C-alpha atoms as a PDB file:
ATOM      1  CA  MET A   1     176.210  59.192 -15.878  1.00  0.00           C
ATOM      2  CA  PRO A   2     177.324  62.613 -14.568  1.00  0.00           C
ATOM      3  CA  ALA A   3     180.943  63.170 -13.621  1.00  0.00           C
ATOM      4  CA  THR A   4     181.603  63.188  -9.903  1.00  0.00           C
ATOM      5  CA  THR A   5     183.801  65.705  -8.160  1.00  0.00           C
ATOM      6  CA  GLN A   6     186.033  64.266  -5.493  1.00  0.00           C
ATOM      7  CA  TRP A   7     186.256  66.353  -2.320  1.00  0.00           C
ATOM      8  CA  PRO A   8     189.932  67.157  -1.655  1.00  0.00           C
ATOM      9  CA  GLY A   9     189.698  67.000   2.167  1.00  0.00           C
ATOM     10  CA  PRO A  10     189.656  69.675   4.835  1.00  0.00           C
ATOM     11  CA  PHE A  11     193.357  70.565   4.828  1.00  0.00           C
ATOM     12  CA  ILE A  12     194.159  70.686   1.142  1.00  0.00           C
ATOM     13  CA  PRO A  13     194.202  74.399   0.248  1.00  0.00           C
ATOM     14  CA  THR A  14     191.137  75.417  -1.694  1.00  0.00           C
ATOM     15  CA  GLN A  15     189.784  78.806  -2.623  1.00  0.00           C
ATOM     16  CA  GLY A  16     189.305  80.877   0.523  1.00  0.00           C
ATOM     17  CA  SER A  17     191.336  78.609   2.833  1.00  0.00           C
ATOM     18  CA  ASP A  18     194.661  79.652   4.282  1.00  0.00           C
ATOM     19  CA  LEU A  19     195.386  76.478   6.281  1.00  0.00           C
ATOM     20  CA  LYS A  20     198.334  74.346   5.243  1.00  0.00           C
ATOM     21  CA  ALA A  21     199.444  70.923   6.407  1.00  0.00           C
ATOM     22  CA  GLU A  22     203.002  69.679   6.696  1.00  0.00           C
ATOM     23  CA  ASP A  23     204.507  66.327   7.654  1.00  0.00           C
ATOM     24  CA  LEU A  24     207.503  66.843   9.966  1.00  0.00           C
ATOM     25  CA  THR A  25     208.165  63.136  10.540  1.00  0.00           C
ATOM     26  CA  SER A  26     211.512  63.360   8.709  1.00  0.00           C
ATOM     27  CA  GLN A  27     212.786  65.697  11.466  1.00  0.00           C
ATOM     28  CA  ILE A  28     212.265  63.072  14.205  1.00  0.00           C
ATOM     29  CA  ASN A  29     215.528  61.542  15.429  1.00  0.00           C
ATOM     30  CA  GLY A  30     214.478  60.130  18.817  1.00  0.00           C
ATOM     31  CA  SER A  31     215.846  63.027  20.879  1.00  0.00           C
ATOM     32  CA  ALA A  32     214.816  66.274  19.136  1.00  0.00           C
ATOM     33  CA  THR A  33     211.997  68.299  20.673  1.00  0.00           C
ATOM     34  CA  GLN A  34     212.343  71.412  18.485  1.00  0.00           C
ATOM     35  CA  PHE A  35     210.912  71.291  14.976  1.00  0.00           C
ATOM     36  CA  THR A  36     210.847  73.650  12.012  1.00  0.00           C
ATOM     37  CA  ILE A  37     207.940  74.429   9.699  1.00  0.00           C
ATOM     38  CA  SER A  38     208.935  75.379   6.147  1.00  0.00           C
ATOM     39  CA  GLU A  39     207.351  78.842   6.250  1.00  0.00           C
ATOM     40  CA  GLN A  40     206.454  81.471   8.813  1.00  0.00           C
ATOM     41  CA  PHE A  41     203.185  80.830  10.636  1.00  0.00           C
ATOM     42  CA  ILE A  42     200.767  82.701  12.889  1.00  0.00           C
ATOM     43  CA  ALA A  43     201.765  81.626  16.407  1.00  0.00           C
ATOM     44  CA  THR A  44     198.208  81.157  17.638  1.00  0.00           C
ATOM     45  CA  GLN A  45     197.236  79.103  14.595  1.00  0.00           C
ATOM     46  CA  VAL A  46     199.583  76.131  14.589  1.00  0.00           C
ATOM     47  CA  PHE A  47     198.153  72.733  15.475  1.00  0.00           C
ATOM     48  CA  VAL A  48     200.581  69.895  16.214  1.00  0.00           C
ATOM     49  CA  PHE A  49     199.649  66.217  15.954  1.00  0.00           C
ATOM     50  CA  LEU A  50     201.877  63.449  17.327  1.00  0.00           C
ATOM     51  CA  ASN A  51     200.796  60.047  15.996  1.00  0.00           C
ATOM     52  CA  GLY A  52     197.483  61.624  15.055  1.00  0.00           C
ATOM     53  CA  LEU A  53     196.768  63.046  18.521  1.00  0.00           C
ATOM     54  CA  PHE A  54     196.381  66.813  18.946  1.00  0.00           C
ATOM     55  CA  GLN A  55     199.042  68.116  21.317  1.00  0.00           C
ATOM     56  CA  GLY A  56     197.142  71.080  22.703  1.00  0.00           C
ATOM     57  CA  PRO A  57     197.097  74.786  21.990  1.00  0.00           C
ATOM     58  CA  PRO A  58     200.281  76.754  21.216  1.00  0.00           C
ATOM     59  CA  ASN A  59     202.058  77.949  24.368  1.00  0.00           C
ATOM     60  CA  GLY A  60     200.056  75.509  26.484  1.00  0.00           C
ATOM     61  CA  SER A  61     201.653  72.661  28.412  1.00  0.00           C
ATOM     62  CA  GLU A  62     202.717  70.644  25.330  1.00  0.00           C
ATOM     63  CA  ILE A  63     203.648  73.124  22.579  1.00  0.00           C
ATOM     64  CA  THR A  64     205.879  76.189  22.918  1.00  0.00           C
ATOM     65  CA  ILE A  65     206.343  78.556  19.995  1.00  0.00           C
ATOM     66  CA  ASN A  66     210.038  79.519  19.713  1.00  0.00           C
ATOM     67  CA  SER A  67     209.997  81.674  16.590  1.00  0.00           C
ATOM     68  CA  SER A  68     207.910  82.339  13.500  1.00  0.00           C
ATOM     69  CA  THR A  69     209.038  78.980  12.032  1.00  0.00           C
ATOM     70  CA  GLN A  70     209.930  76.794  15.052  1.00  0.00           C
ATOM     71  CA  PHE A  71     208.185  75.175  17.983  1.00  0.00           C
ATOM     72  CA  THR A  72     209.114  72.813  20.820  1.00  0.00           C
ATOM     73  CA  ILE A  73     207.017  69.842  21.865  1.00  0.00           C
ATOM     74  CA  ALA A  74     207.073  68.622  25.498  1.00  0.00           C
ATOM     75  CA  THR A  75     206.810  64.934  24.558  1.00  0.00           C
ATOM     76  CA  THR A  76     209.896  63.726  22.697  1.00  0.00           C
ATOM     77  CA  PRO A  77     208.825  61.990  19.476  1.00  0.00           C
ATOM     78  CA  LEU A  78     210.546  58.640  19.064  1.00  0.00           C
ATOM     79  CA  THR A  79     211.850  57.050  15.892  1.00  0.00           C
ATOM     80  CA  GLY A  80     208.834  55.562  14.122  1.00  0.00           C
ATOM     81  CA  ASP A  81     206.432  58.211  15.440  1.00  0.00           C
ATOM     82  CA  LYS A  82     204.564  60.529  13.073  1.00  0.00           C
ATOM     83  CA  LEU A  83     204.556  64.317  13.509  1.00  0.00           C
ATOM     84  CA  ALA A  84     202.314  66.620  11.501  1.00  0.00           C
ATOM     85  CA  VAL A  85     201.201  70.236  11.732  1.00  0.00           C
ATOM     86  CA  ILE A  86     198.302  72.205  10.376  1.00  0.00           C
ATOM     87  CA  TYR A  87     198.977  75.930  10.383  1.00  0.00           C
ATOM     88  CA  SER A  88     197.994  79.283   9.037  1.00  0.00           C
ATOM     89  CA  PRO A  89     200.936  80.878   7.229  1.00  0.00           C
ATOM     90  CA  LEU A  90     201.965  84.408   8.038  1.00  0.00           C
ATOM     91  CA  ILE A  91     200.606  86.418   5.136  1.00  0.00           C
ATOM     92  CA  LYS A  92     202.749  89.415   4.321  1.00  0.00           C
ATOM     93  CA  GLN A  93     200.873  92.457   3.129  1.00  0.00           C
END
């Protein structure tokens, strides 16, 4: 029987992919609306998911980019909610 290769999923970095995923749930305290990603990202390529639901494009009505590592979300995540981002890191030449 041939060995099978398990597909790693769409957001696990593989050759040629620059997308990264990060769980920001630990930053939720019930009142915070500003969150920090661990590395600098391209402002137009950050996708925020609150409890699995996409929160809209950056600088739309739900997500505001504050800096190269921080964003604000319009809906305050509550304790017990899940917050995740998929982003393209800023690649320094």
